[in-house]
C-alpha atoms as a PDB file:
ATOM      1  CA  MET A   1     -15.692   5.108 -23.278  1.00  0.00           C
ATOM      2  CA  PRO A   2     -16.261   1.990 -21.133  1.00  0.00           C
ATOM      3  CA  TYR A   3     -15.441  -1.637 -21.868  1.00  0.00           C
ATOM      4  CA  VAL A   4     -15.244  -2.297 -25.615  1.00  0.00           C
ATOM      5  CA  GLU A   5     -15.125  -5.505 -27.614  1.00  0.00           C
ATOM      6  CA  SER A   6     -12.668  -6.318 -30.372  1.00  0.00           C
ATOM      7  CA  GLU A   7     -12.799  -9.199 -32.817  1.00  0.00           C
ATOM      8  CA  HIS A   8      -8.998  -9.126 -32.829  1.00  0.00           C
ATOM      9  CA  ILE A   9      -8.656  -9.969 -29.113  1.00  0.00           C
ATOM     10  CA  PHE A  10      -9.346 -13.466 -27.779  1.00  0.00           C
ATOM     11  CA  GLN A  11     -12.528 -13.013 -25.761  1.00  0.00           C
ATOM     12  CA  PRO A  12     -13.524 -14.971 -22.658  1.00  0.00           C
ATOM     13  CA  SER A  13     -16.210 -17.385 -23.782  1.00  0.00           C
ATOM     14  CA  LYS A  14     -19.035 -16.617 -21.351  1.00  0.00           C
ATOM     15  CA  ASP A  15     -20.057 -13.571 -19.343  1.00  0.00           C
ATOM     16  CA  ARG A  16     -21.195 -15.829 -16.488  1.00  0.00           C
ATOM     17  CA  THR A  17     -17.659 -17.249 -16.035  1.00  0.00           C
ATOM     18  CA  THR A  18     -16.598 -16.811 -12.396  1.00  0.00           C
ATOM     19  CA  ILE A  19     -13.432 -14.788 -11.843  1.00  0.00           C
ATOM     20  CA  TRP A  20     -11.408 -13.986  -8.740  1.00  0.00           C
ATOM     21  CA  ARG A  21      -9.066 -11.210  -7.712  1.00  0.00           C
ATOM     22  CA  TYR A  22      -6.742 -12.133  -4.850  1.00  0.00           C
ATOM     23  CA  LEU A  23      -5.147  -9.236  -3.024  1.00  0.00           C
ATOM     24  CA  GLN A  24      -3.606  -8.114   0.220  1.00  0.00           C
ATOM     25  CA  PHE A  25      -5.692  -6.265   2.785  1.00  0.00           C
ATOM     26  CA  GLU A  26      -4.208  -2.822   2.133  1.00  0.00           C
ATOM     27  CA  LYS A  27      -5.015  -3.114  -1.568  1.00  0.00           C
ATOM     28  CA  PHE A  28      -8.552  -4.178  -0.721  1.00  0.00           C
ATOM     29  CA  VAL A  29      -8.960  -1.086   1.474  1.00  0.00           C
ATOM     30  CA  SER A  30      -7.720   1.049  -1.420  1.00  0.00           C
ATOM     31  CA  LEU A  31     -10.284  -0.556  -3.714  1.00  0.00           C
ATOM     32  CA  VAL A  32     -13.298   0.092  -1.476  1.00  0.00           C
ATOM     33  CA  ALA A  33     -12.106   3.538  -0.325  1.00  0.00           C
ATOM     34  CA  THR A  34     -11.415   4.888  -3.814  1.00  0.00           C
ATOM     35  CA  ARG A  35     -13.966   2.735  -5.681  1.00  0.00           C
ATOM     36  CA  CYS A  36     -11.296   2.295  -8.304  1.00  0.00           C
ATOM     37  CA  LEU A  37      -9.489  -0.699  -9.778  1.00  0.00           C
ATOM     38  CA  PHE A  38      -5.752  -0.244 -10.046  1.00  0.00           C
ATOM     39  CA  PHE A  39      -4.408  -0.940 -13.544  1.00  0.00           C
ATOM     40  CA  SER A  40      -0.694  -1.641 -13.249  1.00  0.00           C
ATOM     41  CA  SER A  41       1.831  -0.724 -15.932  1.00  0.00           C
ATOM     42  CA  ALA A  42       2.937  -3.755 -17.945  1.00  0.00           C
ATOM     43  CA  ARG A  43       6.514  -2.897 -17.009  1.00  0.00           C
ATOM     44  CA  ASN A  44       5.720  -3.825 -13.403  1.00  0.00           C
ATOM     45  CA  HIS A  45       5.009  -7.388 -14.575  1.00  0.00           C
ATOM     46  CA  ILE A  46       8.481  -7.984 -16.036  1.00  0.00           C
ATOM     47  CA  ILE A  47       9.774  -9.012 -12.612  1.00  0.00           C
ATOM     48  CA  GLY A  48       7.667 -12.161 -12.810  1.00  0.00           C
ATOM     49  CA  ASP A  49       7.826 -12.716 -16.574  1.00  0.00           C
ATOM     50  CA  ARG A  50      10.599 -11.334 -18.767  1.00  0.00           C
ATOM     51  CA  TYR A  51       8.494 -12.110 -21.869  1.00  0.00           C
ATOM     52  CA  GLU A  52       5.735  -9.717 -20.836  1.00  0.00           C
ATOM     53  CA  GLY A  53       4.554  -7.825 -23.924  1.00  0.00           C
ATOM     54  CA  VAL A  54       6.990  -9.576 -26.282  1.00  0.00           C
ATOM     55  CA  PHE A  55       6.080 -11.487 -29.426  1.00  0.00           C
ATOM     56  CA  THR A  56       7.288 -15.070 -29.493  1.00  0.00           C
ATOM     57  CA  ASP A  57      10.720 -16.425 -30.377  1.00  0.00           C
ATOM     58  CA  ALA A  58       9.045 -18.204 -33.295  1.00  0.00           C
ATOM     59  CA  ASP A  59       7.659 -14.857 -34.500  1.00  0.00           C
ATOM     60  CA  TYR A  60      11.109 -13.343 -34.411  1.00  0.00           C
ATOM     61  CA  MET A  61      12.885 -16.286 -36.066  1.00  0.00           C
ATOM     62  CA  ASN A  62      10.347 -16.508 -38.902  1.00  0.00           C
ATOM     63  CA  LEU A  63      10.668 -12.787 -39.526  1.00  0.00           C
ATOM     64  CA  HIS A  64      14.458 -12.985 -39.419  1.00  0.00           C
ATOM     65  CA  SER A  65      14.491 -15.946 -41.811  1.00  0.00           C
ATOM     66  CA  LEU A  66      12.298 -14.147 -44.346  1.00  0.00           C
ATOM     67  CA  GLU A  67      14.496 -11.070 -44.156  1.00  0.00           C
ATOM     68  CA  VAL A  68      17.680 -13.108 -44.713  1.00  0.00           C
ATOM     69  CA  ILE A  69      16.203 -15.152 -47.579  1.00  0.00           C
ATOM     70  CA  GLY A  70      14.735 -12.128 -49.347  1.00  0.00           C
ATOM     71  CA  TYR A  71      11.833 -11.985 -51.764  1.00  0.00           C
ATOM     72  CA  ASP A  72      13.733 -13.111 -54.851  1.00  0.00           C
ATOM     73  CA  ALA A  73      14.846 -16.386 -53.234  1.00  0.00           C
ATOM     74  CA  LEU A  74      11.389 -17.354 -51.977  1.00  0.00           C
ATOM     75  CA  PRO A  75       9.682 -20.428 -53.494  1.00  0.00           C
ATOM     76  CA  GLU A  76       7.001 -19.430 -56.006  1.00  0.00           C
ATOM     77  CA  LYS A  77       4.184 -20.623 -53.749  1.00  0.00           C
ATOM     78  CA  ASP A  78       5.448 -18.309 -50.972  1.00  0.00           C
ATOM     79  CA  LYS A  79       5.824 -15.378 -53.345  1.00  0.00           C
ATOM     80  CA  GLN A  80       2.107 -15.625 -54.018  1.00  0.00           C
ATOM     81  CA  LEU A  81       1.502 -14.487 -50.429  1.00  0.00           C
ATOM     82  CA  PHE A  82       2.856 -11.072 -51.366  1.00  0.00           C
ATOM     83  CA  ASN A  83       1.952  -8.499 -53.979  1.00  0.00           C
ATOM     84  CA  GLY A  84       5.463  -8.212 -55.340  1.00  0.00           C
ATOM     85  CA  LYS A  85       8.816  -7.296 -53.781  1.00  0.00           C
ATOM     86  CA  ASP A  86       7.732  -3.873 -52.564  1.00  0.00           C
ATOM     87  CA  ASP A  87       4.850  -5.456 -50.625  1.00  0.00           C
ATOM     88  CA  PHE A  88       7.251  -8.046 -49.165  1.00  0.00           C
ATOM     89  CA  ASP A  89       9.689  -5.338 -48.030  1.00  0.00           C
ATOM     90  CA  LEU A  90       6.857  -3.269 -46.532  1.00  0.00           C
ATOM     91  CA  ARG A  91       5.497  -6.207 -44.551  1.00  0.00           C
ATOM     92  CA  ILE A  92       8.937  -7.081 -43.223  1.00  0.00           C
ATOM     93  CA  ARG A  93       9.497  -3.499 -42.123  1.00  0.00           C
ATOM     94  CA  LEU A  94       6.071  -3.236 -40.446  1.00  0.00           C
ATOM     95  CA  ALA A  95       6.559  -6.561 -38.659  1.00  0.00           C
ATOM     96  CA  LYS A  96       9.928  -5.443 -37.292  1.00  0.00           C
ATOM     97  CA  GLU A  97       8.401  -2.190 -36.111  1.00  0.00           C
ATOM     98  CA  MET A  98       5.580  -4.059 -34.381  1.00  0.00           C
ATOM     99  CA  HIS A  99       8.079  -6.163 -32.425  1.00  0.00           C
ATOM    100  CA  GLU A 100       9.899  -3.034 -31.315  1.00  0.00           C
ATOM    101  CA  VAL A 101       6.738  -1.084 -30.514  1.00  0.00           C
ATOM    102  CA  ALA A 102       5.263  -3.890 -28.400  1.00  0.00           C
ATOM    103  CA  ILE A 103       8.260  -3.781 -26.083  1.00  0.00           C
ATOM    104  CA  LYS A 104       8.322   0.013 -25.916  1.00  0.00           C
ATOM    105  CA  LEU A 105       4.642   0.061 -24.949  1.00  0.00           C
ATOM    106  CA  ARG A 106       5.345  -1.629 -21.617  1.00  0.00           C
ATOM    107  CA  ASP A 107       5.124   1.826 -20.039  1.00  0.00           C
ATOM    108  CA  ASN A 108       1.859   2.625 -21.825  1.00  0.00           C
ATOM    109  CA  VAL A 109      -0.138  -0.587 -21.446  1.00  0.00           C
ATOM    110  CA  PHE A 110      -2.053  -1.030 -18.193  1.00  0.00           C
ATOM    111  CA  MET A 111      -3.666  -4.176 -16.827  1.00  0.00           C
ATOM    112  CA  ASN A 112      -5.909  -5.413 -14.049  1.00  0.00           C
ATOM    113  CA  CYS A 113      -5.643  -9.190 -13.689  1.00  0.00           C
ATOM    114  CA  TRP A 114      -8.139 -11.843 -12.566  1.00  0.00           C
ATOM    115  CA  HIS A 115      -8.153 -15.625 -12.131  1.00  0.00           C
ATOM    116  CA  ALA A 116     -10.887 -17.624 -13.916  1.00  0.00           C
ATOM    117  CA  SER A 117     -12.194 -20.562 -11.903  1.00  0.00           C
ATOM    118  CA  ARG A 118     -15.438 -21.943 -10.517  1.00  0.00           C
ATOM    119  CA  HIS A 119     -13.849 -22.223  -7.086  1.00  0.00           C
ATOM    120  CA  GLU A 120     -11.100 -20.810  -4.886  1.00  0.00           C
ATOM    121  CA  SER A 121      -7.477 -21.612  -5.628  1.00  0.00           C
ATOM    122  CA  ALA A 122      -4.972 -22.603  -2.936  1.00  0.00           C
ATOM    123  CA  ALA A 123      -2.165 -21.497  -5.270  1.00  0.00           C
ATOM    124  CA  MET A 124      -3.668 -18.032  -5.772  1.00  0.00           C
ATOM    125  CA  TRP A 125      -4.152 -17.587  -2.027  1.00  0.00           C
ATOM    126  CA  SER A 126      -0.514 -18.519  -1.476  1.00  0.00           C
ATOM    127  CA  ILE A 127       0.963 -16.326  -4.222  1.00  0.00           C
ATOM    128  CA  TYR A 128      -1.125 -13.173  -4.187  1.00  0.00           C
ATOM    129  CA  ALA A 129      -2.497 -12.793  -0.654  1.00  0.00           C
ATOM    130  CA  LYS A 130      -0.780 -12.746   2.731  1.00  0.00           C
ATOM    131  CA  LYS A 131      -1.290 -15.915   4.722  1.00  0.00           C
ATOM    132  CA  THR A 132      -3.516 -14.428   7.435  1.00  0.00           C
ATOM    133  CA  GLN A 133      -4.695 -11.129   5.926  1.00  0.00           C
ATOM    134  CA  GLY A 134      -5.623 -11.921   2.341  1.00  0.00           C
ATOM    135  CA  ILE A 135      -8.813 -11.106   0.465  1.00  0.00           C
ATOM    136  CA  ALA A 136     -10.424 -12.675  -2.585  1.00  0.00           C
ATOM    137  CA  ILE A 137     -13.140 -10.912  -4.549  1.00  0.00           C
ATOM    138  CA  GLU A 138     -15.528 -13.135  -6.465  1.00  0.00           C
ATOM    139  CA  SER A 139     -17.095 -11.688  -9.609  1.00  0.00           C
ATOM    140  CA  THR A 140     -17.980 -12.684 -13.175  1.00  0.00           C
ATOM    141  CA  ILE A 141     -16.681 -11.541 -16.528  1.00  0.00           C
ATOM    142  CA  GLY A 142     -20.061  -9.984 -17.265  1.00  0.00           C
ATOM    143  CA  ASN A 143     -20.043  -8.011 -14.020  1.00  0.00           C
ATOM    144  CA  LEU A 144     -16.490  -6.820 -14.656  1.00  0.00           C
ATOM    145  CA  LYS A 145     -17.546  -5.538 -18.071  1.00  0.00           C
ATOM    146  CA  LYS A 146     -20.604  -3.722 -16.698  1.00  0.00           C
ATOM    147  CA  SER A 147     -18.703  -2.240 -13.749  1.00  0.00           C
ATOM    148  CA  LEU A 148     -16.261  -0.387 -16.017  1.00  0.00           C
ATOM    149  CA  ASN A 149     -18.801   1.918 -17.629  1.00  0.00           C
ATOM    150  CA  GLY A 150     -17.702   5.105 -15.908  1.00  0.00           C
ATOM    151  CA  ASP A 151     -14.290   5.757 -17.471  1.00  0.00           C
ATOM    152  CA  ALA A 152     -13.304   7.520 -20.673  1.00  0.00           C
ATOM    153  CA  LYS A 153     -10.669   4.956 -21.667  1.00  0.00           C
ATOM    154  CA  GLU A 154     -11.277   2.085 -24.074  1.00  0.00           C
ATOM    155  CA  ILE A 155     -10.828  -0.973 -21.887  1.00  0.00           C
ATOM    156  CA  TYR A 156     -10.680  -4.454 -23.382  1.00  0.00           C
ATOM    157  CA  ILE A 157     -11.124  -7.739 -21.547  1.00  0.00           C
ATOM    158  CA  GLY A 158      -9.140 -10.643 -22.903  1.00  0.00           C
ATOM    159  CA  LYS A 159      -8.437 -14.232 -21.980  1.00  0.00           C
ATOM    160  CA  VAL A 160      -4.713 -14.922 -21.728  1.00  0.00           C
ATOM    161  CA  VAL A 161      -3.602 -17.692 -24.095  1.00  0.00           C
ATOM    162  CA  TYR A 162      -0.730 -19.925 -22.962  1.00  0.00           C
ATOM    163  CA  ILE A 163       1.521 -21.074 -25.793  1.00  0.00           C
ATOM    164  CA  ASP A 164       4.947 -22.490 -26.606  1.00  0.00           C
ATOM    165  CA  TYR A 165       6.975 -19.396 -27.521  1.00  0.00           C
ATOM    166  CA  SER A 166       9.505 -21.504 -29.417  1.00  0.00           C
ATOM    167  CA  ARG A 167       6.866 -22.824 -31.822  1.00  0.00           C
ATOM    168  CA  SER A 168       3.765 -20.629 -31.865  1.00  0.00           C
ATOM    169  CA  GLU A 169       3.137 -17.168 -33.269  1.00  0.00           C
ATOM    170  CA  ILE A 170       0.871 -14.419 -31.957  1.00  0.00           C
ATOM    171  CA  PHE A 171      -1.999 -12.952 -33.988  1.00  0.00           C
ATOM    172  CA  LYS A 172      -0.792  -9.421 -34.801  1.00  0.00           C
ATOM    173  CA  SER A 173      -3.986  -7.620 -35.784  1.00  0.00           C
ATOM    174  CA  ASN A 174      -3.954  -5.836 -32.404  1.00  0.00           C
ATOM    175  CA  ILE A 175      -0.731  -4.814 -30.658  1.00  0.00           C
ATOM    176  CA  LEU A 176      -2.321  -5.677 -27.291  1.00  0.00           C
ATOM    177  CA  ASN A 177      -2.274  -9.364 -28.230  1.00  0.00           C
ATOM    178  CA  ALA A 178       1.393  -9.387 -27.209  1.00  0.00           C
ATOM    179  CA  TYR A 179       0.088  -8.732 -23.688  1.00  0.00           C
ATOM    180  CA  LEU A 180      -2.607 -11.407 -23.866  1.00  0.00           C
ATOM    181  CA  HIS A 181      -0.260 -14.343 -24.457  1.00  0.00           C
ATOM    182  CA  LYS A 182       2.080 -15.967 -21.968  1.00  0.00           C
ATOM    183  CA  ARG A 183       4.342 -18.975 -21.867  1.00  0.00           C
ATOM    184  CA  LYS A 184       2.881 -22.303 -20.767  1.00  0.00           C
ATOM    185  CA  PHE A 185       4.761 -22.108 -17.460  1.00  0.00           C
ATOM    186  CA  PHE A 186       2.072 -19.678 -16.297  1.00  0.00           C
ATOM    187  CA  SER A 187      -0.988 -21.652 -17.347  1.00  0.00           C
ATOM    188  CA  TYR A 188      -1.972 -22.280 -13.707  1.00  0.00           C
ATOM    189  CA  GLU A 189      -2.896 -18.582 -13.513  1.00  0.00           C
ATOM    190  CA  ARG A 190      -5.923 -19.021 -15.835  1.00  0.00           C
ATOM    191  CA  GLU A 191      -5.697 -15.284 -16.301  1.00  0.00           C
ATOM    192  CA  ILE A 192      -8.288 -12.792 -17.485  1.00  0.00           C
ATOM    193  CA  ARG A 193      -6.949  -9.305 -18.156  1.00  0.00           C
ATOM    194  CA  ALA A 194      -8.772  -6.002 -18.312  1.00  0.00           C
ATOM    195  CA  ILE A 195      -6.346  -3.978 -20.402  1.00  0.00           C
ATOM    196  CA  PHE A 196      -5.942  -0.639 -22.135  1.00  0.00           C
ATOM    197  CA  MET A 197      -3.284   1.423 -23.844  1.00  0.00           C
ATOM    198  CA  ASP A 198      -2.887   5.068 -22.887  1.00  0.00           C
ATOM    199  CA  ALA A 199      -1.520   6.777 -25.998  1.00  0.00           C
ATOM    200  CA  SER A 200      -1.222  10.082 -24.114  1.00  0.00           C
ATOM    201  CA  THR A 201       1.654   8.646 -22.056  1.00  0.00           C
ATOM    202  CA  ILE A 202       3.757   7.466 -25.003  1.00  0.00           C
ATOM    203  CA  GLY A 203       7.203   8.989 -24.639  1.00  0.00           C
ATOM    204  CA  ASP A 204       6.444  10.096 -21.067  1.00  0.00           C
ATOM    205  CA  LYS A 205       6.798   7.340 -18.481  1.00  0.00           C
ATOM    206  CA  GLU A 206       5.441   9.448 -15.635  1.00  0.00           C
ATOM    207  CA  LYS A 207       2.436  11.116 -17.231  1.00  0.00           C
ATOM    208  CA  GLY A 208      -0.918   9.866 -16.008  1.00  0.00           C
ATOM    209  CA  MET A 209       0.539   7.305 -13.568  1.00  0.00           C
ATOM    210  CA  ASP A 210       0.644   7.351  -9.800  1.00  0.00           C
ATOM    211  CA  SER A 211       3.833   6.614  -7.877  1.00  0.00           C
ATOM    212  CA  LEU A 212       3.208   2.860  -8.136  1.00  0.00           C
ATOM    213  CA  GLY A 213       3.221   2.982 -11.938  1.00  0.00           C
ATOM    214  CA  GLY A 214      -0.381   2.693 -13.005  1.00  0.00           C
ATOM    215  CA  HIS A 215      -3.863   4.191 -13.272  1.00  0.00           C
ATOM    216  CA  TYR A 216      -6.832   4.140 -10.915  1.00  0.00           C
ATOM    217  CA  ILE A 217      -9.977   3.451 -12.955  1.00  0.00           C
ATOM    218  CA  ASP A 218     -13.471   4.165 -11.608  1.00  0.00           C
ATOM    219  CA  VAL A 219     -15.532   1.048 -11.058  1.00  0.00           C
ATOM    220  CA  ASP A 220     -19.061   0.288  -9.820  1.00  0.00           C
ATOM    221  CA  LEU A 221     -18.338  -1.934  -6.800  1.00  0.00           C
ATOM    222  CA  ASP A 222     -21.982  -2.897  -6.346  1.00  0.00           C
ATOM    223  CA  THR A 223     -21.907  -4.403  -9.830  1.00  0.00           C
ATOM    224  CA  LEU A 224     -18.393  -5.805  -9.668  1.00  0.00           C
ATOM    225  CA  ILE A 225     -18.399  -7.667  -6.359  1.00  0.00           C
ATOM    226  CA  ASN A 226     -20.451 -10.800  -5.781  1.00  0.00           C
ATOM    227  CA  LYS A 227     -18.828 -11.949  -2.542  1.00  0.00           C
ATOM    228  CA  ILE A 228     -15.775 -11.140  -0.445  1.00  0.00           C
ATOM    229  CA  TYR A 229     -13.709 -14.012   0.953  1.00  0.00           C
ATOM    230  CA  VAL A 230     -11.126 -13.791   3.716  1.00  0.00           C
ATOM    231  CA  SER A 231      -8.007 -15.945   3.730  1.00  0.00           C
ATOM    232  CA  PRO A 232      -8.283 -19.573   4.903  1.00  0.00           C
ATOM    233  CA  ASN A 233      -5.769 -18.744   7.648  1.00  0.00           C
ATOM    234  CA  SER A 234      -7.562 -15.625   8.869  1.00  0.00           C
ATOM    235  CA  GLU A 235      -8.822 -15.275  12.425  1.00  0.00           C
ATOM    236  CA  LYS A 236     -12.176 -13.913  13.575  1.00  0.00           C
ATOM    237  CA  TRP A 237     -10.768 -10.459  14.312  1.00  0.00           C
ATOM    238  CA  PHE A 238      -9.706 -10.074  10.680  1.00  0.00           C
ATOM    239  CA  TYR A 239     -13.118 -11.172   9.439  1.00  0.00           C
ATOM    240  CA  ASN A 240     -14.684  -8.520  11.684  1.00  0.00           C
ATOM    241  CA  LEU A 241     -12.194  -5.906  10.465  1.00  0.00           C
ATOM    242  CA  VAL A 242     -13.103  -6.548   6.828  1.00  0.00           C
ATOM    243  CA  ASN A 243     -16.796  -6.173   7.682  1.00  0.00           C
ATOM    244  CA  ASN A 244     -16.089  -2.892   9.489  1.00  0.00           C
ATOM    245  CA  VAL A 245     -14.150  -1.557   6.503  1.00  0.00           C
ATOM    246  CA  ILE A 246     -16.847  -2.308   3.943  1.00  0.00           C
ATOM    247  CA  ASN A 247     -19.532  -0.879   6.252  1.00  0.00           C
ATOM    248  CA  LYS A 248     -17.491   2.315   6.628  1.00  0.00           C
ATOM    249  CA  TYR A 249     -17.310   2.761   2.861  1.00  0.00           C
ATOM    250  CA  GLY A 250     -20.882   1.718   2.124  1.00  0.00           C
ATOM    251  CA  VAL A 251     -20.123  -1.566   0.376  1.00  0.00           C
ATOM    252  CA  LYS A 252     -23.047  -3.852   1.089  1.00  0.00           C
ATOM    253  CA  LYS A 253     -21.634  -7.264   0.221  1.00  0.00           C
ATOM    254  CA  GLU A 254     -21.367 -10.577   2.023  1.00  0.00           C
ATOM    255  CA  VAL A 255     -18.047 -11.406   3.689  1.00  0.00           C
ATOM    256  CA  ILE A 256     -17.354 -15.098   4.245  1.00  0.00           C
ATOM    257  CA  PHE A 257     -14.479 -17.260   5.366  1.00  0.00           C
ATOM    258  CA  SER A 258     -12.655 -19.184   2.692  1.00  0.00           C
ATOM    259  CA  GLN A 259     -14.303 -22.530   2.122  1.00  0.00           C
ATOM    260  CA  MET A 260     -10.870 -24.121   2.422  1.00  0.00           C
ATOM    261  CA  VAL A 261     -11.125 -23.891   6.236  1.00  0.00           C
ATOM    262  CA  HIS A 262     -13.876 -26.506   6.460  1.00  0.00           C
ATOM    263  CA  ASP A 263     -13.006 -29.668   8.383  1.00  0.00           C
ATOM    264  CA  PRO A 264     -13.772 -33.051   6.823  1.00  0.00           C
ATOM    265  CA  LEU A 265     -17.326 -34.245   7.472  1.00  0.00           C
ATOM    266  CA  CYS A 266     -16.138 -37.127   9.663  1.00  0.00           C
ATOM    267  CA  ILE A 267     -14.474 -34.648  12.034  1.00  0.00           C
ATOM    268  CA  ARG A 268     -17.445 -32.284  12.045  1.00  0.00           C
ATOM    269  CA  MET A 269     -19.806 -35.136  12.874  1.00  0.00           C
ATOM    270  CA  LYS A 270     -17.641 -36.224  15.809  1.00  0.00           C
ATOM    271  CA  ALA A 271     -17.633 -32.653  17.116  1.00  0.00           C
ATOM    272  CA  LYS A 272     -21.396 -32.873  17.469  1.00  0.00           C
END
């Protein structure tokens, strides 16, 4: 099954929204050679964010408080939220299990991450692509959805929501929502995630993953890619190399230099 929608996952608002994937040259070559997007295991993301796949501190504290107070000591107005003590105990138990499961699923949730913006980002170039040999792929949310129609997995596309983990809670109707929220420190990423859970790998960290810890998912590159940008610090030889690579693998897309290399108009006019 290809991309699927879910009312329980926060959807990007418009299919025409421009998205970018910044990557190093060797990963770009892998993309065009295999015609696959690499979906990395959520566990690989812990290095940059220890809260990856975890419900918020507020979630945990509210759950803990309810458990300590107990049903009998709840105010009457709060008791009305439950269908008796047995229902209260069941909900507490299920909530605790969901917290534990979300963390355990780090080895079974796989993501491919994009940056939503109308234009290039100097920060994204700096963080995710080498200074002189970086690549940025420009696409749209709609094209990403349509390009994923060749795989059997149910792949969702969600907009990451940036919240205060000490105050806010995460909507728990879908376990993947734990992977579609991040702390406000990361809001500059403006992240869009294509994400899926591989239930066949639960309990087996190695099954279905390559040595890098992830899955290669077939993608229609002609649909996915709008334009290919080379790093603002790239030289002409690298631009030519990228063109040679895409020609070799039959990818007929425009390659252009980053627009960040343009000189101010006053300098360009003097050069004439």
